Amino acid sequence: MPANLAGLPAMSIPCGTVKEGGMELPVGFQMTAPHFREDLLLKTGFALGK
């Protein structure tokens, strides 16, 4: 992930599933925050995960 190279805080949270070929596959939502804004990233992730 490019965020790792740039040193940006990032996270992925599960947000649902899709059906493909008779199987149910997980879908994730990826977020990246500015440098030193882990607080913003965690607040947003927590709000979306409810």
N, C-alpha and C. Protein backbone atom coordinates (compact mmCIF):
# COMPACT_ATOMS: atom_id res chain seq x y z
N MET A 1 0.84 -1.17 0.00
CA MET A 1 0.00 0.00 0.00
C MET A 1 0.89 1.24 0.00
N PRO A 2 0.59 2.23 -0.83
CA PRO A 2 1.41 3.45 -0.89
C PRO A 2 1.47 4.20 0.43
N ALA A 3 0.46 4.06 1.27
CA ALA A 3 0.47 4.75 2.56
C ALA A 3 1.65 4.29 3.41
N ASN A 4 2.02 3.02 3.29
CA ASN A 4 3.16 2.51 4.05
C ASN A 4 4.44 3.21 3.63
N LEU A 5 4.63 3.41 2.35
CA LEU A 5 5.84 4.08 1.87
C LEU A 5 5.88 5.54 2.30
N ALA A 6 4.74 6.18 2.34
CA ALA A 6 4.67 7.59 2.72
C ALA A 6 4.63 7.79 4.23
N GLY A 7 4.42 6.72 4.99
CA GLY A 7 4.35 6.82 6.43
C GLY A 7 3.03 7.38 6.93
N LEU A 8 1.97 7.23 6.14
CA LEU A 8 0.65 7.74 6.52
C LEU A 8 -0.11 6.69 7.32
N PRO A 9 -0.88 7.13 8.32
CA PRO A 9 -1.72 6.17 9.03
C PRO A 9 -2.87 5.72 8.11
N ALA A 10 -3.15 4.43 8.12
CA ALA A 10 -4.21 3.88 7.26
C ALA A 10 -4.85 2.69 7.97
N MET A 11 -6.10 2.41 7.59
CA MET A 11 -6.79 1.24 8.13
C MET A 11 -7.82 0.75 7.13
N SER A 12 -8.20 -0.49 7.30
CA SER A 12 -9.25 -1.10 6.50
C SER A 12 -10.26 -1.71 7.45
N ILE A 13 -11.55 -1.40 7.22
CA ILE A 13 -12.60 -1.96 8.06
C ILE A 13 -13.59 -2.72 7.18
N PRO A 14 -14.15 -3.81 7.69
CA PRO A 14 -15.15 -4.54 6.91
C PRO A 14 -16.43 -3.71 6.78
N CYS A 15 -17.04 -3.76 5.60
CA CYS A 15 -18.26 -2.96 5.41
C CYS A 15 -19.38 -3.74 4.73
N GLY A 16 -19.22 -5.03 4.55
CA GLY A 16 -20.29 -5.82 3.96
C GLY A 16 -19.77 -6.98 3.15
N THR A 17 -20.65 -7.53 2.33
CA THR A 17 -20.29 -8.65 1.47
C THR A 17 -20.96 -8.49 0.11
N VAL A 18 -20.42 -9.19 -0.88
CA VAL A 18 -21.03 -9.26 -2.20
C VAL A 18 -21.11 -10.72 -2.60
N LYS A 19 -22.09 -11.04 -3.42
CA LYS A 19 -22.21 -12.41 -3.92
C LYS A 19 -21.59 -12.48 -5.31
N GLU A 20 -20.70 -13.43 -5.48
CA GLU A 20 -19.99 -13.60 -6.74
C GLU A 20 -19.85 -15.09 -7.00
N GLY A 21 -20.40 -15.56 -8.09
CA GLY A 21 -20.27 -16.97 -8.46
C GLY A 21 -20.81 -17.92 -7.41
N GLY A 22 -21.90 -17.55 -6.74
CA GLY A 22 -22.48 -18.40 -5.72
C GLY A 22 -21.77 -18.34 -4.38
N MET A 23 -20.77 -17.49 -4.26
CA MET A 23 -20.04 -17.32 -3.00
C MET A 23 -20.27 -15.92 -2.45
N GLU A 24 -20.17 -15.79 -1.13
CA GLU A 24 -20.28 -14.49 -0.49
C GLU A 24 -18.88 -14.03 -0.11
N LEU A 25 -18.45 -12.90 -0.69
CA LEU A 25 -17.10 -12.39 -0.47
C LEU A 25 -17.12 -11.13 0.39
N PRO A 26 -16.16 -10.97 1.29
CA PRO A 26 -16.12 -9.78 2.13
C PRO A 26 -15.65 -8.55 1.35
N VAL A 27 -16.15 -7.38 1.76
CA VAL A 27 -15.75 -6.11 1.17
C VAL A 27 -15.19 -5.25 2.29
N GLY A 28 -14.07 -4.59 2.03
CA GLY A 28 -13.46 -3.71 3.01
C GLY A 28 -13.41 -2.28 2.53
N PHE A 29 -13.41 -1.35 3.47
CA PHE A 29 -13.33 0.08 3.20
C PHE A 29 -11.98 0.55 3.71
N GLN A 30 -11.17 1.13 2.83
CA GLN A 30 -9.84 1.57 3.22
C GLN A 30 -9.80 3.08 3.39
N MET A 31 -9.15 3.52 4.46
CA MET A 31 -9.03 4.94 4.75
C MET A 31 -7.58 5.30 5.02
N THR A 32 -7.20 6.50 4.63
CA THR A 32 -5.87 7.04 4.89
C THR A 32 -6.03 8.43 5.48
N ALA A 33 -5.24 8.75 6.47
CA ALA A 33 -5.30 10.06 7.12
C ALA A 33 -3.99 10.81 6.90
N PRO A 34 -4.00 12.11 7.13
CA PRO A 34 -2.75 12.89 7.03
C PRO A 34 -1.76 12.46 8.12
N HIS A 35 -0.52 12.87 7.94
CA HIS A 35 0.52 12.58 8.94
C HIS A 35 0.07 13.04 10.33
N PHE A 36 0.33 12.20 11.33
CA PHE A 36 0.08 12.49 12.74
C PHE A 36 -1.40 12.72 13.07
N ARG A 37 -2.32 12.18 12.25
CA ARG A 37 -3.76 12.33 12.51
C ARG A 37 -4.41 10.98 12.73
N GLU A 38 -3.75 10.13 13.50
CA GLU A 38 -4.32 8.84 13.85
C GLU A 38 -5.65 9.01 14.58
N ASP A 39 -5.75 10.09 15.36
CA ASP A 39 -6.99 10.34 16.10
C ASP A 39 -8.18 10.49 15.14
N LEU A 40 -8.00 11.21 14.07
CA LEU A 40 -9.05 11.39 13.07
C LEU A 40 -9.40 10.07 12.40
N LEU A 41 -8.41 9.30 12.07
CA LEU A 41 -8.61 8.01 11.42
C LEU A 41 -9.38 7.06 12.34
N LEU A 42 -9.00 6.99 13.60
CA LEU A 42 -9.67 6.09 14.53
C LEU A 42 -11.09 6.53 14.83
N LYS A 43 -11.34 7.82 14.98
CA LYS A 43 -12.69 8.31 15.20
C LYS A 43 -13.59 7.98 14.01
N THR A 44 -13.09 8.20 12.81
CA THR A 44 -13.87 7.92 11.60
C THR A 44 -14.12 6.42 11.46
N GLY A 45 -13.11 5.61 11.68
CA GLY A 45 -13.26 4.15 11.60
C GLY A 45 -14.26 3.64 12.61
N PHE A 46 -14.22 4.18 13.82
CA PHE A 46 -15.16 3.75 14.85
C PHE A 46 -16.59 4.14 14.47
N ALA A 47 -16.78 5.35 13.96
CA ALA A 47 -18.11 5.81 13.57
C ALA A 47 -18.68 4.98 12.41
N LEU A 48 -17.85 4.64 11.45
CA LEU A 48 -18.31 3.85 10.30
C LEU A 48 -18.54 2.38 10.67
N GLY A 49 -17.85 1.91 11.69
CA GLY A 49 -17.97 0.51 12.09
C GLY A 49 -19.20 0.20 12.92
N LYS A 50 -19.93 1.20 13.32
CA LYS A 50 -21.13 1.00 14.15
C LYS A 50 -22.25 0.38 13.36
